[in-house]
Amino acid sequence: MAVILQYLVVRNGIEKMSFTNKKEADAYDKLLDLAEHLDTVLIDAPVSLNEADREALALYLAEHQAKLSLPRKTAAKKSASQPSREALPVISANDASAADEPRASAGH
């Protein structure tokens, strides 16, 4: 007879996932904690989401938290085809509305 040790992640009396590794079970529990926190933040979001969509979005964001952090600086040089942020023009709200208006030529 084999003995198998399992770690269960249970939320509100519902078994969410089982693991054979305590470290993985703790990591998943922490992910669910973050998803629960994000769900409470999304309740006050300026968009209307039903409960199921809000919970799904919160879990998705928790699972992809590494992508949400700021980009990490790397020592690699930027390719010539990608302009640096400093080279991109900055357009203010006034510039954007002026761009929609016809321009008068300077010579006429």
PDB file of N, CA and C in Angstrom:
ATOM      1  N   MET A   1       0.837  -1.167   0.000  1.00  0.00           N
ATOM      2  CA  MET A   1       0.000   0.000   0.000  1.00  0.00           C
ATOM      3  C   MET A   1       0.891   1.242   0.000  1.00  0.00           C
ATOM      4  N   ALA A   2       0.551   2.188  -0.867  1.00  0.00           N
ATOM      5  CA  ALA A   2       1.312   3.429  -0.965  1.00  0.00           C
ATOM      6  C   ALA A   2       0.622   4.525  -0.164  1.00  0.00           C
ATOM      7  N   VAL A   3       1.407   5.363   0.433  1.00  0.00           N
ATOM      8  CA  VAL A   3       0.892   6.513   1.161  1.00  0.00           C
ATOM      9  C   VAL A   3       1.213   7.750   0.340  1.00  0.00           C
ATOM     10  N   ILE A   4       0.175   8.511   0.020  1.00  0.00           N
ATOM     11  CA  ILE A   4       0.354   9.727  -0.772  1.00  0.00           C
ATOM     12  C   ILE A   4      -0.068  10.915   0.083  1.00  0.00           C
ATOM     13  N   LEU A   5       0.833  11.841   0.233  1.00  0.00           N
ATOM     14  CA  LEU A   5       0.567  13.046   1.000  1.00  0.00           C
ATOM     15  C   LEU A   5       0.026  14.102   0.033  1.00  0.00           C
ATOM     16  N   GLN A   6      -1.137  14.681   0.360  1.00  0.00           N
ATOM     17  CA  GLN A   6      -1.723  15.716  -0.490  1.00  0.00           C
ATOM     18  C   GLN A   6      -1.983  16.971   0.333  1.00  0.00           C
ATOM     19  N   TYR A   7      -1.782  18.091  -0.316  1.00  0.00           N
ATOM     20  CA  TYR A   7      -2.082  19.388   0.270  1.00  0.00           C
ATOM     21  C   TYR A   7      -3.284  19.945  -0.485  1.00  0.00           C
ATOM     22  N   LEU A   8      -4.331  20.274   0.231  1.00  0.00           N
ATOM     23  CA  LEU A   8      -5.542  20.798  -0.376  1.00  0.00           C
ATOM     24  C   LEU A   8      -5.641  22.293  -0.141  1.00  0.00           C
ATOM     25  N   VAL A   9      -5.988  23.016  -1.183  1.00  0.00           N
ATOM     26  CA  VAL A   9      -6.268  24.442  -1.055  1.00  0.00           C
ATOM     27  C   VAL A   9      -7.789  24.554  -1.033  1.00  0.00           C
ATOM     28  N   VAL A  10      -8.314  25.029   0.098  1.00  0.00           N
ATOM     29  CA  VAL A  10      -9.758  25.113   0.296  1.00  0.00           C
ATOM     30  C   VAL A  10     -10.123  26.567   0.543  1.00  0.00           C
ATOM     31  N   ARG A  11     -11.126  27.043  -0.186  1.00  0.00           N
ATOM     32  CA  ARG A  11     -11.638  28.413  -0.011  1.00  0.00           C
ATOM     33  C   ARG A  11     -13.126  28.343   0.243  1.00  0.00           C
ATOM     34  N   ASN A  12     -13.578  28.953   1.315  1.00  0.00           N
ATOM     35  CA  ASN A  12     -14.999  28.991   1.671  1.00  0.00           C
ATOM     36  C   ASN A  12     -15.617  27.595   1.670  1.00  0.00           C
ATOM     37  N   GLY A  13     -14.871  26.618   2.167  1.00  0.00           N
ATOM     38  CA  GLY A  13     -15.364  25.253   2.255  1.00  0.00           C
ATOM     39  C   GLY A  13     -15.341  24.477   0.948  1.00  0.00           C
ATOM     40  N   ILE A  14     -14.809  25.076  -0.110  1.00  0.00           N
ATOM     41  CA  ILE A  14     -14.759  24.430  -1.421  1.00  0.00           C
ATOM     42  C   ILE A  14     -13.314  24.102  -1.757  1.00  0.00           C
ATOM     43  N   GLU A  15     -13.067  22.840  -2.114  1.00  0.00           N
ATOM     44  CA  GLU A  15     -11.717  22.439  -2.511  1.00  0.00           C
ATOM     45  C   GLU A  15     -11.408  23.033  -3.880  1.00  0.00           C
ATOM     46  N   LYS A  16     -10.369  23.841  -3.933  1.00  0.00           N
ATOM     47  CA  LYS A  16      -9.989  24.496  -5.180  1.00  0.00           C
ATOM     48  C   LYS A  16      -8.967  23.690  -5.976  1.00  0.00           C
ATOM     49  N   MET A  17      -7.988  23.097  -5.273  1.00  0.00           N
ATOM     50  CA  MET A  17      -6.925  22.382  -5.963  1.00  0.00           C
ATOM     51  C   MET A  17      -6.199  21.518  -4.936  1.00  0.00           C
ATOM     52  N   SER A  18      -5.626  20.418  -5.415  1.00  0.00           N
ATOM     53  CA  SER A  18      -4.809  19.586  -4.533  1.00  0.00           C
ATOM     54  C   SER A  18      -3.411  19.474  -5.120  1.00  0.00           C
ATOM     55  N   PHE A  19      -2.434  19.394  -4.248  1.00  0.00           N
ATOM     56  CA  PHE A  19      -1.027  19.345  -4.640  1.00  0.00           C
ATOM     57  C   PHE A  19      -0.316  18.271  -3.837  1.00  0.00           C
ATOM     58  N   THR A  20       0.769  17.761  -4.360  1.00  0.00           N
ATOM     59  CA  THR A  20       1.608  16.826  -3.617  1.00  0.00           C
ATOM     60  C   THR A  20       2.830  17.539  -3.059  1.00  0.00           C
ATOM     61  N   ASN A  21       2.940  18.842  -3.341  1.00  0.00           N
ATOM     62  CA  ASN A  21       4.079  19.644  -2.924  1.00  0.00           C
ATOM     63  C   ASN A  21       3.554  20.834  -2.119  1.00  0.00           C
ATOM     64  N   LYS A  22       4.023  20.991  -0.890  1.00  0.00           N
ATOM     65  CA  LYS A  22       3.553  22.083  -0.031  1.00  0.00           C
ATOM     66  C   LYS A  22       3.879  23.457  -0.616  1.00  0.00           C
ATOM     67  N   LYS A  23       5.044  23.594  -1.227  1.00  0.00           N
ATOM     68  CA  LYS A  23       5.443  24.880  -1.798  1.00  0.00           C
ATOM     69  C   LYS A  23       4.467  25.310  -2.898  1.00  0.00           C
ATOM     70  N   GLU A  24       4.062  24.376  -3.761  1.00  0.00           N
ATOM     71  CA  GLU A  24       3.111  24.694  -4.824  1.00  0.00           C
ATOM     72  C   GLU A  24       1.733  25.029  -4.249  1.00  0.00           C
ATOM     73  N   ALA A  25       1.324  24.308  -3.219  1.00  0.00           N
ATOM     74  CA  ALA A  25       0.040  24.583  -2.582  1.00  0.00           C
ATOM     75  C   ALA A  25       0.035  25.981  -1.963  1.00  0.00           C
ATOM     76  N   ASP A  26       1.122  26.352  -1.288  1.00  0.00           N
ATOM     77  CA  ASP A  26       1.222  27.691  -0.699  1.00  0.00           C
ATOM     78  C   ASP A  26       1.219  28.775  -1.775  1.00  0.00           C
ATOM     79  N   ALA A  27       1.904  28.526  -2.883  1.00  0.00           N
ATOM     80  CA  ALA A  27       1.947  29.502  -3.984  1.00  0.00           C
ATOM     81  C   ALA A  27       0.550  29.694  -4.577  1.00  0.00           C
ATOM     82  N   TYR A  28      -0.189  28.609  -4.739  1.00  0.00           N
ATOM     83  CA  TYR A  28      -1.547  28.711  -5.287  1.00  0.00           C
ATOM     84  C   TYR A  28      -2.467  29.437  -4.308  1.00  0.00           C
ATOM     85  N   ASP A  29      -2.315  29.164  -3.024  1.00  0.00           N
ATOM     86  CA  ASP A  29      -3.105  29.849  -2.003  1.00  0.00           C
ATOM     87  C   ASP A  29      -2.822  31.346  -2.029  1.00  0.00           C
ATOM     88  N   LYS A  30      -1.563  31.700  -2.194  1.00  0.00           N
ATOM     89  CA  LYS A  30      -1.176  33.118  -2.276  1.00  0.00           C
ATOM     90  C   LYS A  30      -1.777  33.750  -3.534  1.00  0.00           C
ATOM     91  N   LEU A  31      -1.803  33.017  -4.639  1.00  0.00           N
ATOM     92  CA  LEU A  31      -2.410  33.508  -5.877  1.00  0.00           C
ATOM     93  C   LEU A  31      -3.897  33.775  -5.665  1.00  0.00           C
ATOM     94  N   LEU A  32      -4.578  32.877  -4.968  1.00  0.00           N
ATOM     95  CA  LEU A  32      -5.999  33.076  -4.682  1.00  0.00           C
ATOM     96  C   LEU A  32      -6.223  34.262  -3.755  1.00  0.00           C
ATOM     97  N   ASP A  33      -5.307  34.492  -2.805  1.00  0.00           N
ATOM     98  CA  ASP A  33      -5.393  35.683  -1.941  1.00  0.00           C
ATOM     99  C   ASP A  33      -5.317  36.956  -2.771  1.00  0.00           C
ATOM    100  N   LEU A  34      -4.376  36.985  -3.718  1.00  0.00           N
ATOM    101  CA  LEU A  34      -4.226  38.152  -4.579  1.00  0.00           C
ATOM    102  C   LEU A  34      -5.468  38.336  -5.450  1.00  0.00           C
ATOM    103  N   ALA A  35      -5.993  37.260  -6.006  1.00  0.00           N
ATOM    104  CA  ALA A  35      -7.190  37.336  -6.841  1.00  0.00           C
ATOM    105  C   ALA A  35      -8.374  37.869  -6.028  1.00  0.00           C
ATOM    106  N   GLU A  36      -8.488  37.429  -4.794  1.00  0.00           N
ATOM    107  CA  GLU A  36      -9.563  37.913  -3.927  1.00  0.00           C
ATOM    108  C   GLU A  36      -9.414  39.413  -3.667  1.00  0.00           C
ATOM    109  N   HIS A  37      -8.193  39.862  -3.432  1.00  0.00           N
ATOM    110  CA  HIS A  37      -7.946  41.291  -3.221  1.00  0.00           C
ATOM    111  C   HIS A  37      -8.283  42.088  -4.487  1.00  0.00           C
ATOM    112  N   LEU A  38      -7.841  41.590  -5.646  1.00  0.00           N
ATOM    113  CA  LEU A  38      -8.133  42.275  -6.904  1.00  0.00           C
ATOM    114  C   LEU A  38      -9.634  42.342  -7.153  1.00  0.00           C
ATOM    115  N   ASP A  39     -10.352  41.300  -6.782  1.00  0.00           N
ATOM    116  CA  ASP A  39     -11.803  41.292  -6.951  1.00  0.00           C
ATOM    117  C   ASP A  39     -12.435  42.423  -6.151  1.00  0.00           C
ATOM    118  N   THR A  40     -11.957  42.646  -4.926  1.00  0.00           N
ATOM    119  CA  THR A  40     -12.516  43.736  -4.116  1.00  0.00           C
ATOM    120  C   THR A  40     -12.165  45.102  -4.706  1.00  0.00           C
ATOM    121  N   VAL A  41     -11.007  45.202  -5.346  1.00  0.00           N
ATOM    122  CA  VAL A  41     -10.620  46.458  -6.001  1.00  0.00           C
ATOM    123  C   VAL A  41     -11.495  46.690  -7.231  1.00  0.00           C
ATOM    124  N   LEU A  42     -11.754  45.638  -7.994  1.00  0.00           N
ATOM    125  CA  LEU A  42     -12.543  45.761  -9.223  1.00  0.00           C
ATOM    126  C   LEU A  42     -14.005  46.102  -8.964  1.00  0.00           C
ATOM    127  N   ILE A  43     -14.481  45.856  -7.755  1.00  0.00           N
ATOM    128  CA  ILE A  43     -15.868  46.217  -7.428  1.00  0.00           C
ATOM    129  C   ILE A  43     -16.081  47.713  -7.635  1.00  0.00           C
ATOM    130  N   ASP A  44     -15.067  48.524  -7.315  1.00  0.00           N
ATOM    131  CA  ASP A  44     -15.175  49.981  -7.436  1.00  0.00           C
ATOM    132  C   ASP A  44     -14.660  50.505  -8.769  1.00  0.00           C
ATOM    133  N   ALA A  45     -14.404  49.615  -9.735  1.00  0.00           N
ATOM    134  CA  ALA A  45     -13.872  50.032 -11.034  1.00  0.00           C
ATOM    135  C   ALA A  45     -14.913  50.856 -11.790  1.00  0.00           C
ATOM    136  N   PRO A  46     -14.444  51.724 -12.695  1.00  0.00           N
ATOM    137  CA  PRO A  46     -15.375  52.569 -13.437  1.00  0.00           C
ATOM    138  C   PRO A  46     -16.093  51.838 -14.571  1.00  0.00           C
ATOM    139  N   VAL A  47     -16.011  50.525 -14.611  1.00  0.00           N
ATOM    140  CA  VAL A  47     -16.731  49.721 -15.608  1.00  0.00           C
ATOM    141  C   VAL A  47     -17.628  48.742 -14.872  1.00  0.00           C
ATOM    142  N   SER A  48     -18.709  48.360 -15.498  1.00  0.00           N
ATOM    143  CA  SER A  48     -19.638  47.413 -14.880  1.00  0.00           C
ATOM    144  C   SER A  48     -19.268  45.998 -15.287  1.00  0.00           C
ATOM    145  N   LEU A  49     -19.011  45.169 -14.299  1.00  0.00           N
ATOM    146  CA  LEU A  49     -18.715  43.764 -14.534  1.00  0.00           C
ATOM    147  C   LEU A  49     -19.637  42.931 -13.653  1.00  0.00           C
ATOM    148  N   ASN A  50     -20.212  41.865 -14.225  1.00  0.00           N
ATOM    149  CA  ASN A  50     -20.987  40.985 -13.354  1.00  0.00           C
ATOM    150  C   ASN A  50     -20.015  40.207 -12.483  1.00  0.00           C
ATOM    151  N   GLU A  51     -20.510  39.570 -11.451  1.00  0.00           N
ATOM    152  CA  GLU A  51     -19.652  38.929 -10.462  1.00  0.00           C
ATOM    153  C   GLU A  51     -18.743  37.861 -11.081  1.00  0.00           C
ATOM    154  N   ALA A  52     -19.275  37.045 -11.962  1.00  0.00           N
ATOM    155  CA  ALA A  52     -18.471  35.978 -12.577  1.00  0.00           C
ATOM    156  C   ALA A  52     -17.344  36.548 -13.426  1.00  0.00           C
ATOM    157  N   ASP A  53     -17.650  37.587 -14.221  1.00  0.00           N
ATOM    158  CA  ASP A  53     -16.618  38.215 -15.049  1.00  0.00           C
ATOM    159  C   ASP A  53     -15.560  38.900 -14.192  1.00  0.00           C
ATOM    160  N   ARG A  54     -16.010  39.556 -13.131  1.00  0.00           N
ATOM    161  CA  ARG A  54     -15.081  40.249 -12.237  1.00  0.00           C
ATOM    162  C   ARG A  54     -14.131  39.255 -11.570  1.00  0.00           C
ATOM    163  N   GLU A  55     -14.666  38.134 -11.104  1.00  0.00           N
ATOM    164  CA  GLU A  55     -13.831  37.114 -10.465  1.00  0.00           C
ATOM    165  C   GLU A  55     -12.857  36.492 -11.468  1.00  0.00           C
ATOM    166  N   ALA A  56     -13.331  36.252 -12.700  1.00  0.00           N
ATOM    167  CA  ALA A  56     -12.462  35.687 -13.733  1.00  0.00           C
ATOM    168  C   ALA A  56     -11.341  36.658 -14.085  1.00  0.00           C
ATOM    169  N   LEU A  57     -11.673  37.942 -14.197  1.00  0.00           N
ATOM    170  CA  LEU A  57     -10.662  38.960 -14.495  1.00  0.00           C
ATOM    171  C   LEU A  57      -9.660  39.073 -13.349  1.00  0.00           C
ATOM    172  N   ALA A  58     -10.135  39.037 -12.119  1.00  0.00           N
ATOM    173  CA  ALA A  58      -9.248  39.129 -10.957  1.00  0.00           C
ATOM    174  C   ALA A  58      -8.281  37.953 -10.931  1.00  0.00           C
ATOM    175  N   LEU A  59      -8.771  36.750 -11.213  1.00  0.00           N
ATOM    176  CA  LEU A  59      -7.903  35.575 -11.236  1.00  0.00           C
ATOM    177  C   LEU A  59      -6.896  35.680 -12.381  1.00  0.00           C
ATOM    178  N   TYR A  60      -7.358  36.140 -13.547  1.00  0.00           N
ATOM    179  CA  TYR A  60      -6.452  36.312 -14.693  1.00  0.00           C
ATOM    180  C   TYR A  60      -5.334  37.300 -14.354  1.00  0.00           C
ATOM    181  N   LEU A  61      -5.688  38.423 -13.757  1.00  0.00           N
ATOM    182  CA  LEU A  61      -4.686  39.423 -13.394  1.00  0.00           C
ATOM    183  C   LEU A  61      -3.714  38.879 -12.357  1.00  0.00           C
ATOM    184  N   ALA A  62      -4.211  38.116 -11.408  1.00  0.00           N
ATOM    185  CA  ALA A  62      -3.342  37.516 -10.391  1.00  0.00           C
ATOM    186  C   ALA A  62      -2.375  36.528 -11.029  1.00  0.00           C
ATOM    187  N   GLU A  63      -2.874  35.728 -11.978  1.00  0.00           N
ATOM    188  CA  GLU A  63      -2.028  34.742 -12.650  1.00  0.00           C
ATOM    189  C   GLU A  63      -0.964  35.399 -13.525  1.00  0.00           C
ATOM    190  N   HIS A  64      -1.235  36.596 -14.008  1.00  0.00           N
ATOM    191  CA  HIS A  64      -0.312  37.295 -14.911  1.00  0.00           C
ATOM    192  C   HIS A  64       0.307  38.524 -14.262  1.00  0.00           C
ATOM    193  N   GLN A  65       0.480  38.475 -12.943  1.00  0.00           N
ATOM    194  CA  GLN A  65       0.997  39.630 -12.219  1.00  0.00           C
ATOM    195  C   GLN A  65       2.389  40.054 -12.688  1.00  0.00           C
ATOM    196  N   ALA A  66       3.205  39.126 -13.153  1.00  0.00           N
ATOM    197  CA  ALA A  66       4.556  39.473 -13.608  1.00  0.00           C
ATOM    198  C   ALA A  66       4.498  40.390 -14.828  1.00  0.00           C
ATOM    199  N   LYS A  67       3.497  40.207 -15.672  1.00  0.00           N
ATOM    200  CA  LYS A  67       3.350  41.051 -16.863  1.00  0.00           C
ATOM    201  C   LYS A  67       2.850  42.449 -16.510  1.00  0.00           C
ATOM    202  N   LEU A  68       2.250  42.583 -15.343  1.00  0.00           N
ATOM    203  CA  LEU A  68       1.700  43.874 -14.936  1.00  0.00           C
ATOM    204  C   LEU A  68       2.728  44.798 -14.309  1.00  0.00           C
ATOM    205  N   SER A  69       3.846  44.249 -13.894  1.00  0.00           N
ATOM    206  CA  SER A  69       4.872  45.085 -13.282  1.00  0.00           C
ATOM    207  C   SER A  69       5.599  45.878 -14.366  1.00  0.00           C
ATOM    208  N   LEU A  70       6.319  46.884 -13.955  1.00  0.00           N
ATOM    209  CA  LEU A  70       7.046  47.729 -14.900  1.00  0.00           C
ATOM    210  C   LEU A  70       8.084  46.906 -15.647  1.00  0.00           C
ATOM    211  N   PRO A  71       8.352  47.265 -16.902  1.00  0.00           N
ATOM    212  CA  PRO A  71       9.385  46.536 -17.648  1.00  0.00           C
ATOM    213  C   PRO A  71      10.730  46.664 -16.950  1.00  0.00           C
ATOM    214  N   ARG A  72      11.475  45.604 -16.993  1.00  0.00           N
ATOM    215  CA  ARG A  72      12.799  45.608 -16.364  1.00  0.00           C
ATOM    216  C   ARG A  72      13.815  46.166 -17.344  1.00  0.00           C
ATOM    217  N   LYS A  73      14.740  46.940 -16.823  1.00  0.00           N
ATOM    218  CA  LYS A  73      15.795  47.488 -17.663  1.00  0.00           C
ATOM    219  C   LYS A  73      16.794  46.387 -17.983  1.00  0.00           C
ATOM    220  N   THR A  74      17.223  46.357 -19.230  1.00  0.00           N
ATOM    221  CA  THR A  74      18.209  45.359 -19.622  1.00  0.00           C
ATOM    222  C   THR A  74      19.440  46.072 -20.155  1.00  0.00           C
ATOM    223  N   ALA A  75      20.554  45.382 -20.145  1.00  0.00           N
ATOM    224  CA  ALA A  75      21.801  45.957 -20.617  1.00  0.00           C
ATOM    225  C   ALA A  75      21.907  45.878 -22.135  1.00  0.00           C
ATOM    226  N   ALA A  76      21.019  45.133 -22.782  1.00  0.00           N
ATOM    227  CA  ALA A  76      21.080  44.974 -24.239  1.00  0.00           C
ATOM    228  C   ALA A  76      20.758  46.291 -24.923  1.00  0.00           C
ATOM    229  N   LYS A  77      21.412  46.533 -26.052  1.00  0.00           N
ATOM    230  CA  LYS A  77      21.160  47.755 -26.804  1.00  0.00           C
ATOM    231  C   LYS A  77      19.840  47.627 -27.545  1.00  0.00           C
ATOM    232  N   LYS A  78      19.163  48.755 -27.727  1.00  0.00           N
ATOM    233  CA  LYS A  78      17.925  48.775 -28.491  1.00  0.00           C
ATOM    234  C   LYS A  78      18.267  48.667 -29.962  1.00  0.00           C
ATOM    235  N   SER A  79      17.406  47.974 -30.688  1.00  0.00           N
ATOM    236  CA  SER A  79      17.660  47.827 -32.121  1.00  0.00           C
ATOM    237  C   SER A  79      17.386  49.144 -32.823  1.00  0.00           C
ATOM    238  N   ALA A  80      17.983  49.326 -33.980  1.00  0.00           N
ATOM    239  CA  ALA A  80      17.839  50.571 -34.732  1.00  0.00           C
ATOM    240  C   ALA A  80      16.416  50.745 -35.231  1.00  0.00           C
ATOM    241  N   SER A  81      15.684  49.646 -35.401  1.00  0.00           N
ATOM    242  CA  SER A  81      14.320  49.744 -35.910  1.00  0.00           C
ATOM    243  C   SER A  81      13.330  50.216 -34.848  1.00  0.00           C
ATOM    244  N   GLN A  82      13.703  50.159 -33.583  1.00  0.00           N
ATOM    245  CA  GLN A  82      12.828  50.609 -32.510  1.00  0.00           C
ATOM    246  C   GLN A  82      13.342  51.932 -31.952  1.00  0.00           C
ATOM    247  N   PRO A  83      12.588  53.019 -32.157  1.00  0.00           N
ATOM    248  CA  PRO A  83      13.047  54.307 -31.610  1.00  0.00           C
ATOM    249  C   PRO A  83      12.957  54.309 -30.095  1.00  0.00           C
ATOM    250  N   SER A  84      13.835  55.073 -29.484  1.00  0.00           N
ATOM    251  CA  SER A  84      13.804  55.172 -28.033  1.00  0.00           C
ATOM    252  C   SER A  84      12.630  56.037 -27.618  1.00  0.00           C
ATOM    253  N   ARG A  85      12.228  55.933 -26.349  1.00  0.00           N
ATOM    254  CA  ARG A  85      11.105  56.741 -25.855  1.00  0.00           C
ATOM    255  C   ARG A  85      11.412  58.226 -25.959  1.00  0.00           C
ATOM    256  N   GLU A  86      12.692  58.579 -25.805  1.00  0.00           N
ATOM    257  CA  GLU A  86      13.064  59.982 -25.858  1.00  0.00           C
ATOM    258  C   GLU A  86      12.873  60.548 -27.272  1.00  0.00           C
ATOM    259  N   ALA A  87      12.978  59.702 -28.288  1.00  0.00           N
ATOM    260  CA  ALA A  87      12.880  60.167 -29.669  1.00  0.00           C
ATOM    261  C   ALA A  87      11.434  60.343 -30.113  1.00  0.00           C
ATOM    262  N   LEU A  88      10.470  59.776 -29.394  1.00  0.00           N
ATOM    263  CA  LEU A  88       9.079  59.883 -29.792  1.00  0.00           C
ATOM    264  C   LEU A  88       8.542  61.271 -29.439  1.00  0.00           C
ATOM    265  N   PRO A  89       7.758  61.862 -30.341  1.00  0.00           N
ATOM    266  CA  PRO A  89       7.207  63.187 -30.051  1.00  0.00           C
ATOM    267  C   PRO A  89       6.142  63.095 -28.963  1.00  0.00           C
ATOM    268  N   VAL A  90       6.055  64.142 -28.156  1.00  0.00           N
ATOM    269  CA  VAL A  90       5.056  64.212 -27.107  1.00  0.00           C
ATOM    270  C   VAL A  90       3.922  65.075 -27.619  1.00  0.00           C
ATOM    271  N   ILE A  91       2.710  64.525 -27.595  1.00  0.00           N
ATOM    272  CA  ILE A  91       1.548  65.256 -28.095  1.00  0.00           C
ATOM    273  C   ILE A  91       0.640  65.547 -26.918  1.00  0.00           C
ATOM    274  N   SER A  92       0.371  66.826 -26.701  1.00  0.00           N
ATOM    275  CA  SER A  92      -0.537  67.199 -25.624  1.00  0.00           C
ATOM    276  C   SER A  92      -1.961  67.201 -26.159  1.00  0.00           C
ATOM    277  N   ALA A  93      -2.940  67.359 -25.293  1.00  0.00           N
ATOM    278  CA  ALA A  93      -4.344  67.395 -25.702  1.00  0.00           C
ATOM    279  C   ALA A  93      -4.582  68.550 -26.666  1.00  0.00           C
ATOM    280  N   ASN A  94      -3.917  69.698 -26.454  1.00  0.00           N
ATOM    281  CA  ASN A  94      -4.079  70.843 -27.348  1.00  0.00           C
ATOM    282  C   ASN A  94      -3.528  70.537 -28.728  1.00  0.00           C
ATOM    283  N   ASP A  95      -2.380  69.849 -28.777  1.00  0.00           N
ATOM    284  CA  ASP A  95      -1.780  69.483 -30.054  1.00  0.00           C
ATOM    285  C   ASP A  95      -2.671  68.517 -30.809  1.00  0.00           C
ATOM    286  N   ALA A  96      -3.305  67.587 -30.111  1.00  0.00           N
ATOM    287  CA  ALA A  96      -4.140  66.580 -30.757  1.00  0.00           C
ATOM    288  C   ALA A  96      -5.369  67.214 -31.373  1.00  0.00           C
ATOM    289  N   SER A  97      -5.991  68.193 -30.701  1.00  0.00           N
ATOM    290  CA  SER A  97      -7.175  68.839 -31.272  1.00  0.00           C
ATOM    291  C   SER A  97      -6.781  69.758 -32.412  1.00  0.00           C
ATOM    292  N   ALA A  98      -5.609  70.357 -32.340  1.00  0.00           N
ATOM    293  CA  ALA A  98      -5.141  71.220 -33.419  1.00  0.00           C
ATOM    294  C   ALA A  98      -4.808  70.402 -34.653  1.00  0.00           C
ATOM    295  N   ALA A  99      -4.415  69.150 -34.481  1.00  0.00           N
ATOM    296  CA  ALA A  99      -4.062  68.300 -35.614  1.00  0.00           C
ATOM    297  C   ALA A  99      -5.287  67.966 -36.447  1.00  0.00           C
ATOM    298  N   ASP A 100      -6.477  68.008 -35.863  1.00  0.00           N
ATOM    299  CA  ASP A 100      -7.703  67.708 -36.588  1.00  0.00           C
ATOM    300  C   ASP A 100      -8.156  68.885 -37.458  1.00  0.00           C
ATOM    301  N   GLU A 101      -7.678  70.100 -37.158  1.00  0.00           N
ATOM    302  CA  GLU A 101      -8.081  71.284 -37.898  1.00  0.00           C
ATOM    303  C   GLU A 101      -7.206  71.440 -39.139  1.00  0.00           C
ATOM    304  N   PRO A 102      -7.766  71.971 -40.234  1.00  0.00           N
ATOM    305  CA  PRO A 102      -6.939  72.204 -41.428  1.00  0.00           C
ATOM    306  C   PRO A 102      -5.879  73.240 -41.142  1.00  0.00           C
ATOM    307  N   ARG A 103      -4.717  73.048 -41.717  1.00  0.00           N
ATOM    308  CA  ARG A 103      -3.624  73.991 -41.497  1.00  0.00           C
ATOM    309  C   ARG A 103      -3.537  74.965 -42.675  1.00  0.00           C
ATOM    310  N   ALA A 104      -3.258  76.198 -42.352  1.00  0.00           N
ATOM    311  CA  ALA A 104      -3.047  77.204 -43.390  1.00  0.00           C
ATOM    312  C   ALA A 104      -1.592  77.151 -43.815  1.00  0.00           C
ATOM    313  N   SER A 105      -1.362  77.251 -45.110  1.00  0.00           N
ATOM    314  CA  SER A 105       0.041  77.211 -45.545  1.00  0.00           C
ATOM    315  C   SER A 105       0.684  78.554 -45.274  1.00  0.00           C
ATOM    316  N   ALA A 106       1.971  78.538 -44.987  1.00  0.00           N
ATOM    317  CA  ALA A 106       2.695  79.757 -44.621  1.00  0.00           C
ATOM    318  C   ALA A 106       2.893  80.675 -45.808  1.00  0.00           C
ATOM    319  N   GLY A 107       2.887  80.152 -47.032  1.00  0.00           N
ATOM    320  CA  GLY A 107       3.151  80.979 -48.190  1.00  0.00           C
ATOM    321  C   GLY A 107       1.942  81.679 -48.751  1.00  0.00           C
ATOM    322  N   HIS A 108       0.753  81.426 -48.286  1.00  0.00           N
ATOM    323  CA  HIS A 108      -0.447  82.020 -48.888  1.00  0.00           C
ATOM    324  C   HIS A 108      -1.089  82.984 -47.996  1.00  0.00           C
TER     325      HIS A 108
END
